[in-house]
N, C-alpha and C. Protein backbone atom coordinates (compact mmCIF):
# COMPACT_ATOMS: atom_id res chain seq x y z
N MET A 1 0.84 -1.18 0.00
CA MET A 1 0.00 0.00 0.00
C MET A 1 0.89 1.25 0.00
N PRO A 2 0.68 2.18 -0.98
CA PRO A 2 1.51 3.37 -1.04
C PRO A 2 1.26 4.29 0.13
N ARG A 3 2.31 4.99 0.51
CA ARG A 3 2.19 5.95 1.60
C ARG A 3 1.46 7.19 1.10
N PRO A 4 0.61 7.82 1.93
CA PRO A 4 -0.15 8.99 1.50
C PRO A 4 0.74 10.15 1.06
N GLY A 5 1.86 10.35 1.70
CA GLY A 5 2.76 11.45 1.34
C GLY A 5 3.38 11.27 -0.04
N ARG A 6 3.59 10.03 -0.43
CA ARG A 6 4.21 9.75 -1.73
C ARG A 6 3.27 10.14 -2.87
N ARG A 7 2.00 9.85 -2.74
CA ARG A 7 1.02 10.20 -3.77
C ARG A 7 0.92 11.72 -3.92
N THR A 8 0.89 12.43 -2.82
CA THR A 8 0.83 13.89 -2.86
C THR A 8 2.07 14.45 -3.55
N SER A 9 3.21 13.88 -3.28
CA SER A 9 4.45 14.31 -3.90
C SER A 9 4.42 14.10 -5.41
N GLN A 10 3.89 12.97 -5.85
CA GLN A 10 3.78 12.69 -7.29
C GLN A 10 2.84 13.67 -7.98
N VAL A 11 1.73 13.98 -7.35
CA VAL A 11 0.76 14.92 -7.92
C VAL A 11 1.39 16.31 -8.02
N LEU A 12 2.06 16.74 -6.98
CA LEU A 12 2.71 18.05 -6.99
C LEU A 12 3.80 18.11 -8.07
N SER A 13 4.55 17.06 -8.20
CA SER A 13 5.60 16.99 -9.21
C SER A 13 5.01 17.11 -10.61
N THR A 14 3.92 16.44 -10.87
CA THR A 14 3.25 16.50 -12.17
C THR A 14 2.71 17.90 -12.42
N LEU A 15 2.10 18.53 -11.42
CA LEU A 15 1.58 19.89 -11.57
C LEU A 15 2.70 20.89 -11.86
N VAL A 16 3.80 20.78 -11.16
CA VAL A 16 4.92 21.68 -11.39
C VAL A 16 5.46 21.52 -12.81
N THR A 17 5.58 20.29 -13.27
CA THR A 17 6.05 20.03 -14.63
C THR A 17 5.10 20.65 -15.65
N LEU A 18 3.80 20.47 -15.46
CA LEU A 18 2.82 21.04 -16.38
C LEU A 18 2.88 22.57 -16.37
N LEU A 19 3.03 23.16 -15.21
CA LEU A 19 3.14 24.62 -15.12
C LEU A 19 4.40 25.13 -15.83
N LEU A 20 5.50 24.43 -15.67
CA LEU A 20 6.74 24.83 -16.35
C LEU A 20 6.58 24.75 -17.86
N LEU A 21 5.98 23.67 -18.34
CA LEU A 21 5.76 23.52 -19.79
C LEU A 21 4.83 24.61 -20.32
N ALA A 22 3.78 24.92 -19.57
CA ALA A 22 2.86 25.98 -19.99
C ALA A 22 3.58 27.32 -20.01
N GLY A 23 4.42 27.56 -19.03
CA GLY A 23 5.19 28.81 -18.99
C GLY A 23 6.14 28.94 -20.17
N LEU A 24 6.83 27.87 -20.51
CA LEU A 24 7.73 27.88 -21.66
C LEU A 24 6.96 28.13 -22.95
N TRP A 25 5.82 27.47 -23.10
CA TRP A 25 5.00 27.68 -24.30
C TRP A 25 4.57 29.14 -24.38
N TRP A 26 4.12 29.71 -23.27
CA TRP A 26 3.67 31.09 -23.26
C TRP A 26 4.80 32.04 -23.64
N LEU A 27 5.99 31.84 -23.08
CA LEU A 27 7.13 32.70 -23.40
C LEU A 27 7.47 32.63 -24.88
N GLN A 28 7.46 31.45 -25.45
CA GLN A 28 7.77 31.32 -26.87
C GLN A 28 6.70 31.97 -27.73
N SER A 29 5.45 31.90 -27.33
CA SER A 29 4.37 32.48 -28.13
C SER A 29 4.37 34.00 -28.06
N GLN A 30 5.04 34.58 -27.07
CA GLN A 30 5.08 36.04 -26.93
C GLN A 30 6.06 36.67 -27.90
N GLY A 31 7.02 35.92 -28.42
CA GLY A 31 7.97 36.46 -29.39
C GLY A 31 8.89 37.49 -28.77
N ASP A 32 9.14 37.42 -27.47
CA ASP A 32 10.04 38.36 -26.82
C ASP A 32 11.45 38.01 -27.21
N ASP A 33 12.07 38.82 -28.06
CA ASP A 33 13.37 38.46 -28.58
C ASP A 33 14.40 39.56 -28.41
N GLU A 34 14.38 40.21 -27.28
CA GLU A 34 15.38 41.23 -26.99
C GLU A 34 16.78 40.64 -27.05
N ASP A 35 16.90 39.36 -26.72
CA ASP A 35 18.21 38.73 -26.70
C ASP A 35 18.71 38.35 -28.09
N GLY A 36 17.92 38.67 -29.12
CA GLY A 36 18.37 38.36 -30.47
C GLY A 36 18.22 36.91 -30.84
N GLY A 37 17.32 36.20 -30.16
CA GLY A 37 17.09 34.80 -30.49
C GLY A 37 16.40 34.67 -31.83
N THR A 38 15.98 33.48 -32.15
CA THR A 38 15.35 33.27 -33.44
C THR A 38 13.85 33.12 -33.30
N ALA A 39 13.13 33.55 -34.29
CA ALA A 39 11.68 33.37 -34.35
C ALA A 39 11.36 32.64 -35.63
N ARG A 40 10.33 31.81 -35.58
CA ARG A 40 9.94 31.08 -36.77
C ARG A 40 8.96 31.92 -37.57
N GLU A 41 9.25 32.10 -38.82
CA GLU A 41 8.39 32.86 -39.71
C GLU A 41 7.38 31.93 -40.37
N ASP A 42 6.15 32.37 -40.51
CA ASP A 42 5.13 31.60 -41.20
C ASP A 42 5.44 31.62 -42.68
N SER A 43 5.70 30.45 -43.27
CA SER A 43 6.13 30.37 -44.65
C SER A 43 5.02 30.71 -45.62
N SER A 44 3.77 30.77 -45.17
CA SER A 44 2.68 31.10 -46.08
C SER A 44 2.56 32.59 -46.32
N ALA A 45 3.21 33.40 -45.50
CA ALA A 45 3.16 34.85 -45.68
C ALA A 45 4.46 35.31 -46.31
N VAL A 46 4.36 35.84 -47.50
CA VAL A 46 5.54 36.31 -48.20
C VAL A 46 5.47 37.82 -48.26
N ALA A 47 6.47 38.49 -47.73
CA ALA A 47 6.50 39.94 -47.73
C ALA A 47 7.37 40.43 -48.87
N THR A 48 6.79 41.27 -49.71
CA THR A 48 7.54 41.85 -50.81
C THR A 48 7.37 43.35 -50.79
N PRO A 49 8.34 44.08 -51.33
CA PRO A 49 8.19 45.53 -51.38
C PRO A 49 6.95 45.90 -52.19
N THR A 50 6.42 47.09 -51.93
CA THR A 50 5.20 47.53 -52.56
C THR A 50 5.32 47.58 -54.08
N ASP A 51 6.47 48.00 -54.58
CA ASP A 51 6.61 48.13 -56.03
C ASP A 51 6.97 46.81 -56.70
N GLY A 52 7.11 45.72 -55.91
CA GLY A 52 7.33 44.41 -56.49
C GLY A 52 8.77 44.02 -56.69
N ALA A 53 9.71 44.96 -56.70
CA ALA A 53 11.11 44.59 -56.92
C ALA A 53 12.01 45.58 -56.21
N ARG A 54 13.06 45.05 -55.61
CA ARG A 54 14.04 45.91 -54.94
C ARG A 54 15.10 46.32 -55.92
N SER A 55 15.50 47.56 -55.79
CA SER A 55 16.59 47.99 -56.64
C SER A 55 17.88 47.40 -56.10
N PRO A 56 18.85 47.14 -56.95
CA PRO A 56 20.08 46.53 -56.47
C PRO A 56 20.80 47.47 -55.50
N THR A 57 21.40 46.88 -54.47
CA THR A 57 22.17 47.67 -53.53
C THR A 57 23.49 48.04 -54.19
N SER A 58 23.74 49.34 -54.28
CA SER A 58 24.91 49.78 -55.03
C SER A 58 26.06 50.21 -54.15
N SER A 59 25.84 50.31 -52.85
CA SER A 59 26.92 50.77 -52.00
C SER A 59 26.80 50.18 -50.61
N VAL A 60 27.86 50.34 -49.86
CA VAL A 60 27.90 49.87 -48.48
C VAL A 60 28.31 51.02 -47.59
N ASP A 61 27.95 50.93 -46.32
CA ASP A 61 28.35 51.98 -45.39
C ASP A 61 29.79 51.76 -44.94
N GLU A 62 30.27 52.61 -44.05
CA GLU A 62 31.67 52.55 -43.61
C GLU A 62 32.02 51.29 -42.83
N HIS A 63 30.99 50.53 -42.44
CA HIS A 63 31.22 49.28 -41.70
C HIS A 63 31.00 48.05 -42.57
N GLY A 64 30.78 48.28 -43.86
CA GLY A 64 30.61 47.18 -44.79
C GLY A 64 29.20 46.66 -44.93
N LEU A 65 28.23 47.32 -44.29
CA LEU A 65 26.84 46.91 -44.41
C LEU A 65 26.24 47.52 -45.67
N PRO A 66 25.50 46.73 -46.44
CA PRO A 66 24.88 47.28 -47.65
C PRO A 66 23.78 48.28 -47.30
N TYR A 67 23.62 49.27 -48.16
CA TYR A 67 22.52 50.21 -48.02
C TYR A 67 21.29 49.68 -48.73
N VAL A 68 20.12 50.05 -48.21
CA VAL A 68 18.85 49.80 -48.89
C VAL A 68 18.04 51.08 -48.75
N ASP A 69 17.41 51.49 -49.84
CA ASP A 69 16.57 52.68 -49.79
C ASP A 69 15.26 52.36 -49.08
N LEU A 70 14.82 53.27 -48.22
CA LEU A 70 13.57 53.07 -47.50
C LEU A 70 12.42 52.82 -48.48
N ALA A 71 12.43 53.49 -49.60
CA ALA A 71 11.37 53.33 -50.60
C ALA A 71 11.34 51.92 -51.19
N ASP A 72 12.44 51.18 -51.09
CA ASP A 72 12.50 49.82 -51.63
C ASP A 72 12.08 48.76 -50.62
N LEU A 73 11.83 49.17 -49.39
CA LEU A 73 11.39 48.22 -48.36
C LEU A 73 9.87 48.11 -48.38
N PRO A 74 9.34 47.08 -47.73
CA PRO A 74 7.87 46.96 -47.65
C PRO A 74 7.27 48.21 -47.01
N ARG A 75 6.04 48.51 -47.39
CA ARG A 75 5.31 49.68 -46.87
C ARG A 75 5.32 49.71 -45.34
N GLU A 76 5.23 48.55 -44.72
CA GLU A 76 5.19 48.48 -43.25
C GLU A 76 6.49 48.98 -42.62
N ALA A 77 7.60 48.87 -43.33
CA ALA A 77 8.87 49.39 -42.81
C ALA A 77 8.82 50.91 -42.74
N ALA A 78 8.29 51.55 -43.77
CA ALA A 78 8.16 53.01 -43.75
C ALA A 78 7.22 53.45 -42.63
N GLU A 79 6.16 52.69 -42.39
CA GLU A 79 5.24 53.00 -41.30
C GLU A 79 5.95 52.91 -39.96
N THR A 80 6.81 51.91 -39.80
CA THR A 80 7.57 51.75 -38.56
C THR A 80 8.54 52.90 -38.37
N VAL A 81 9.21 53.32 -39.44
CA VAL A 81 10.13 54.47 -39.36
C VAL A 81 9.36 55.72 -38.94
N ASP A 82 8.15 55.92 -39.48
CA ASP A 82 7.33 57.06 -39.06
C ASP A 82 7.02 57.00 -37.57
N LEU A 83 6.72 55.80 -37.06
CA LEU A 83 6.45 55.65 -35.63
C LEU A 83 7.70 55.93 -34.80
N ILE A 84 8.85 55.48 -35.28
CA ILE A 84 10.11 55.74 -34.57
C ILE A 84 10.35 57.25 -34.49
N ASP A 85 10.17 57.93 -35.62
CA ASP A 85 10.36 59.38 -35.66
C ASP A 85 9.41 60.11 -34.72
N ALA A 86 8.18 59.58 -34.60
CA ALA A 86 7.16 60.22 -33.76
C ALA A 86 7.28 59.81 -32.29
N GLY A 87 8.13 58.83 -31.99
CA GLY A 87 8.26 58.35 -30.62
C GLY A 87 7.15 57.41 -30.19
N GLY A 88 6.45 56.82 -31.16
CA GLY A 88 5.41 55.85 -30.84
C GLY A 88 4.04 56.45 -31.11
N PRO A 89 2.99 55.76 -30.70
CA PRO A 89 2.97 54.49 -29.97
C PRO A 89 3.29 53.31 -30.90
N PHE A 90 3.86 52.28 -30.31
CA PHE A 90 4.30 51.12 -31.07
C PHE A 90 3.33 49.96 -30.88
N PRO A 91 3.19 49.12 -31.92
CA PRO A 91 2.19 48.04 -31.85
C PRO A 91 2.50 46.97 -30.80
N TYR A 92 3.75 46.82 -30.42
CA TYR A 92 4.14 45.82 -29.43
C TYR A 92 4.92 46.53 -28.31
N PRO A 93 4.21 47.21 -27.41
CA PRO A 93 4.90 48.03 -26.40
C PRO A 93 5.84 47.25 -25.47
N ARG A 94 5.59 45.96 -25.29
CA ARG A 94 6.48 45.15 -24.44
C ARG A 94 7.80 44.85 -25.14
N ASN A 95 7.80 44.91 -26.49
CA ASN A 95 8.97 44.52 -27.25
C ASN A 95 9.61 45.67 -28.01
N ASP A 96 8.77 46.57 -28.54
CA ASP A 96 9.30 47.67 -29.34
C ASP A 96 9.90 48.75 -28.45
N ASP A 97 10.87 49.47 -29.02
CA ASP A 97 11.59 50.53 -28.32
C ASP A 97 12.34 49.99 -27.10
N GLN A 98 12.79 48.73 -27.23
CA GLN A 98 13.59 48.08 -26.19
C GLN A 98 15.03 47.97 -26.67
N SER A 99 15.93 47.85 -25.74
CA SER A 99 17.35 47.73 -26.08
C SER A 99 17.61 46.49 -26.93
N PHE A 100 18.40 46.68 -27.98
CA PHE A 100 18.83 45.57 -28.83
C PHE A 100 20.29 45.31 -28.51
N GLY A 101 20.61 44.09 -28.14
CA GLY A 101 21.94 43.77 -27.64
C GLY A 101 23.02 43.59 -28.70
N ASN A 102 22.67 43.42 -29.96
CA ASN A 102 23.65 43.18 -31.03
C ASN A 102 24.55 41.99 -30.69
N PHE A 103 23.97 40.97 -30.09
CA PHE A 103 24.75 39.80 -29.69
C PHE A 103 25.30 39.04 -30.90
N GLU A 104 24.67 39.22 -32.05
CA GLU A 104 25.16 38.59 -33.28
C GLU A 104 26.43 39.26 -33.77
N GLY A 105 26.65 40.50 -33.35
CA GLY A 105 27.85 41.24 -33.74
C GLY A 105 27.84 41.71 -35.18
N LEU A 106 26.67 41.80 -35.80
CA LEU A 106 26.60 42.20 -37.21
C LEU A 106 26.54 43.71 -37.40
N LEU A 107 26.11 44.42 -36.37
CA LEU A 107 26.08 45.89 -36.44
C LEU A 107 27.38 46.43 -35.84
N PRO A 108 27.71 47.69 -36.15
CA PRO A 108 28.92 48.27 -35.56
C PRO A 108 28.91 48.16 -34.03
N ASP A 109 30.07 47.90 -33.48
CA ASP A 109 30.21 47.73 -32.03
C ASP A 109 29.95 49.06 -31.33
N ARG A 110 28.97 49.07 -30.47
CA ARG A 110 28.59 50.26 -29.71
C ARG A 110 28.31 49.86 -28.27
N PRO A 111 28.30 50.83 -27.36
CA PRO A 111 28.00 50.50 -25.95
C PRO A 111 26.60 49.93 -25.79
N ARG A 112 26.44 49.12 -24.76
CA ARG A 112 25.14 48.52 -24.45
C ARG A 112 24.09 49.63 -24.32
N GLY A 113 22.93 49.41 -24.92
CA GLY A 113 21.86 50.39 -24.86
C GLY A 113 21.84 51.37 -26.03
N TYR A 114 22.85 51.31 -26.89
CA TYR A 114 22.95 52.22 -28.04
C TYR A 114 21.85 51.93 -29.07
N TYR A 115 21.55 50.65 -29.27
CA TYR A 115 20.57 50.24 -30.27
C TYR A 115 19.22 49.90 -29.63
N ARG A 116 18.14 50.21 -30.39
CA ARG A 116 16.78 49.87 -29.97
C ARG A 116 16.10 49.15 -31.13
N GLU A 117 15.23 48.22 -30.81
CA GLU A 117 14.59 47.43 -31.87
C GLU A 117 13.10 47.72 -31.96
N TYR A 118 12.57 47.54 -33.19
CA TYR A 118 11.17 47.81 -33.49
C TYR A 118 10.64 46.75 -34.44
N THR A 119 9.42 46.32 -34.20
CA THR A 119 8.76 45.33 -35.05
C THR A 119 8.27 45.99 -36.33
N VAL A 120 8.49 45.32 -37.45
CA VAL A 120 7.86 45.69 -38.71
C VAL A 120 6.83 44.61 -38.99
N GLU A 121 5.57 45.01 -38.95
CA GLU A 121 4.50 44.03 -39.09
C GLU A 121 4.57 43.32 -40.44
N THR A 122 4.19 42.06 -40.44
CA THR A 122 4.10 41.25 -41.65
C THR A 122 2.63 40.89 -41.84
N PRO A 123 2.00 41.40 -42.90
CA PRO A 123 0.59 41.08 -43.13
C PRO A 123 0.37 39.56 -43.20
N GLY A 124 -0.71 39.13 -42.57
CA GLY A 124 -1.07 37.72 -42.61
C GLY A 124 -0.54 36.90 -41.45
N LEU A 125 0.35 37.48 -40.64
CA LEU A 125 0.87 36.74 -39.48
C LEU A 125 0.10 37.11 -38.23
N SER A 126 -0.03 36.16 -37.33
CA SER A 126 -0.70 36.41 -36.06
C SER A 126 0.31 36.67 -34.94
N HIS A 127 1.60 36.76 -35.30
CA HIS A 127 2.65 37.04 -34.33
C HIS A 127 3.57 38.10 -34.92
N ARG A 128 4.60 38.48 -34.20
CA ARG A 128 5.48 39.57 -34.63
C ARG A 128 6.26 39.28 -35.90
N GLY A 129 6.49 38.05 -36.20
CA GLY A 129 7.26 37.73 -37.39
C GLY A 129 8.73 38.04 -37.20
N ALA A 130 9.47 38.09 -38.30
CA ALA A 130 10.93 38.21 -38.25
C ALA A 130 11.45 39.59 -38.63
N ARG A 131 10.60 40.43 -39.18
CA ARG A 131 11.07 41.72 -39.70
C ARG A 131 11.23 42.75 -38.57
N ARG A 132 12.38 43.41 -38.57
CA ARG A 132 12.67 44.42 -37.55
C ARG A 132 13.42 45.59 -38.17
N ILE A 133 13.31 46.73 -37.49
CA ILE A 133 14.20 47.85 -37.73
C ILE A 133 14.92 48.09 -36.41
N VAL A 134 16.23 48.24 -36.50
CA VAL A 134 17.04 48.55 -35.33
C VAL A 134 17.55 49.98 -35.53
N ALA A 135 17.37 50.80 -34.51
CA ALA A 135 17.77 52.20 -34.58
C ALA A 135 18.93 52.45 -33.63
N GLY A 136 19.92 53.21 -34.11
CA GLY A 136 21.04 53.60 -33.28
C GLY A 136 20.81 54.99 -32.70
N ASP A 137 21.47 55.28 -31.58
CA ASP A 137 21.34 56.60 -30.95
C ASP A 137 21.80 57.73 -31.87
N GLY A 138 22.62 57.41 -32.86
CA GLY A 138 23.10 58.44 -33.79
C GLY A 138 22.14 58.69 -34.94
N GLY A 139 20.96 58.06 -34.93
CA GLY A 139 19.96 58.26 -35.96
C GLY A 139 20.01 57.25 -37.09
N GLU A 140 21.00 56.36 -37.10
CA GLU A 140 21.09 55.36 -38.15
C GLU A 140 20.02 54.29 -37.94
N LEU A 141 19.53 53.75 -39.05
CA LEU A 141 18.50 52.71 -39.03
C LEU A 141 18.98 51.50 -39.82
N TYR A 142 18.65 50.31 -39.31
CA TYR A 142 19.05 49.07 -39.95
C TYR A 142 17.81 48.19 -40.13
N TRP A 143 17.75 47.50 -41.26
CA TRP A 143 16.64 46.62 -41.63
C TRP A 143 17.10 45.17 -41.57
N THR A 144 16.28 44.32 -40.98
CA THR A 144 16.49 42.88 -41.05
C THR A 144 15.15 42.24 -41.33
N GLU A 145 15.11 41.38 -42.33
CA GLU A 145 13.88 40.66 -42.64
C GLU A 145 13.98 39.20 -42.24
N ASP A 146 15.14 38.83 -41.67
CA ASP A 146 15.37 37.43 -41.31
C ASP A 146 15.74 37.28 -39.83
N HIS A 147 15.16 38.14 -39.02
CA HIS A 147 15.34 38.09 -37.56
C HIS A 147 16.81 38.08 -37.14
N TYR A 148 17.51 39.13 -37.54
CA TYR A 148 18.89 39.40 -37.11
C TYR A 148 19.94 38.51 -37.75
N GLN A 149 19.58 37.75 -38.78
CA GLN A 149 20.59 36.94 -39.48
C GLN A 149 21.44 37.84 -40.39
N SER A 150 20.84 38.93 -40.87
CA SER A 150 21.55 39.88 -41.73
C SER A 150 20.92 41.26 -41.56
N PHE A 151 21.68 42.28 -41.90
CA PHE A 151 21.21 43.66 -41.79
C PHE A 151 21.59 44.45 -43.03
N GLU A 152 20.76 45.44 -43.33
CA GLU A 152 21.07 46.44 -44.33
C GLU A 152 20.85 47.80 -43.67
N ARG A 153 21.68 48.76 -44.00
CA ARG A 153 21.50 50.10 -43.46
C ARG A 153 20.48 50.85 -44.32
N ILE A 154 19.50 51.44 -43.66
CA ILE A 154 18.43 52.13 -44.39
C ILE A 154 18.88 53.52 -44.79
N ARG A 155 18.71 53.80 -46.07
CA ARG A 155 18.98 55.14 -46.60
C ARG A 155 17.61 55.78 -46.85
N ARG A 156 17.40 56.96 -46.25
CA ARG A 156 16.11 57.66 -46.43
C ARG A 156 16.09 58.45 -47.71
């Protein structure tokens, strides 16, 4: 015959495990990626620039990052830049206008807190998606459509 304390311990252990799993699921569904982690993009939503084709990048900045004209980015990127210029409000207040750590090391090396990240909405997705604009304290803007795997410097 099992001891009464042992059964209670097993039930508590199962509940704690379920709570931890639910917490992990919730954190992943929030898309909180200040740490520069990866997010899965919905492959059924394809984001293309409004005019249908990007002009070739003809130059790079002083750090070797290619330039992209703001007009060649999706319309939602220009909307995000307008929000950045206005100081908000941002669609994801828990995530937007937060420090971007540059842990990937793809942007120029700057002190912690120099960069801030902003979501660029992707039509058709029910989550934040992978598109971001990262802004530097010096006014420079960077575009990533692959969740920090690569960057282009935005030319206005």
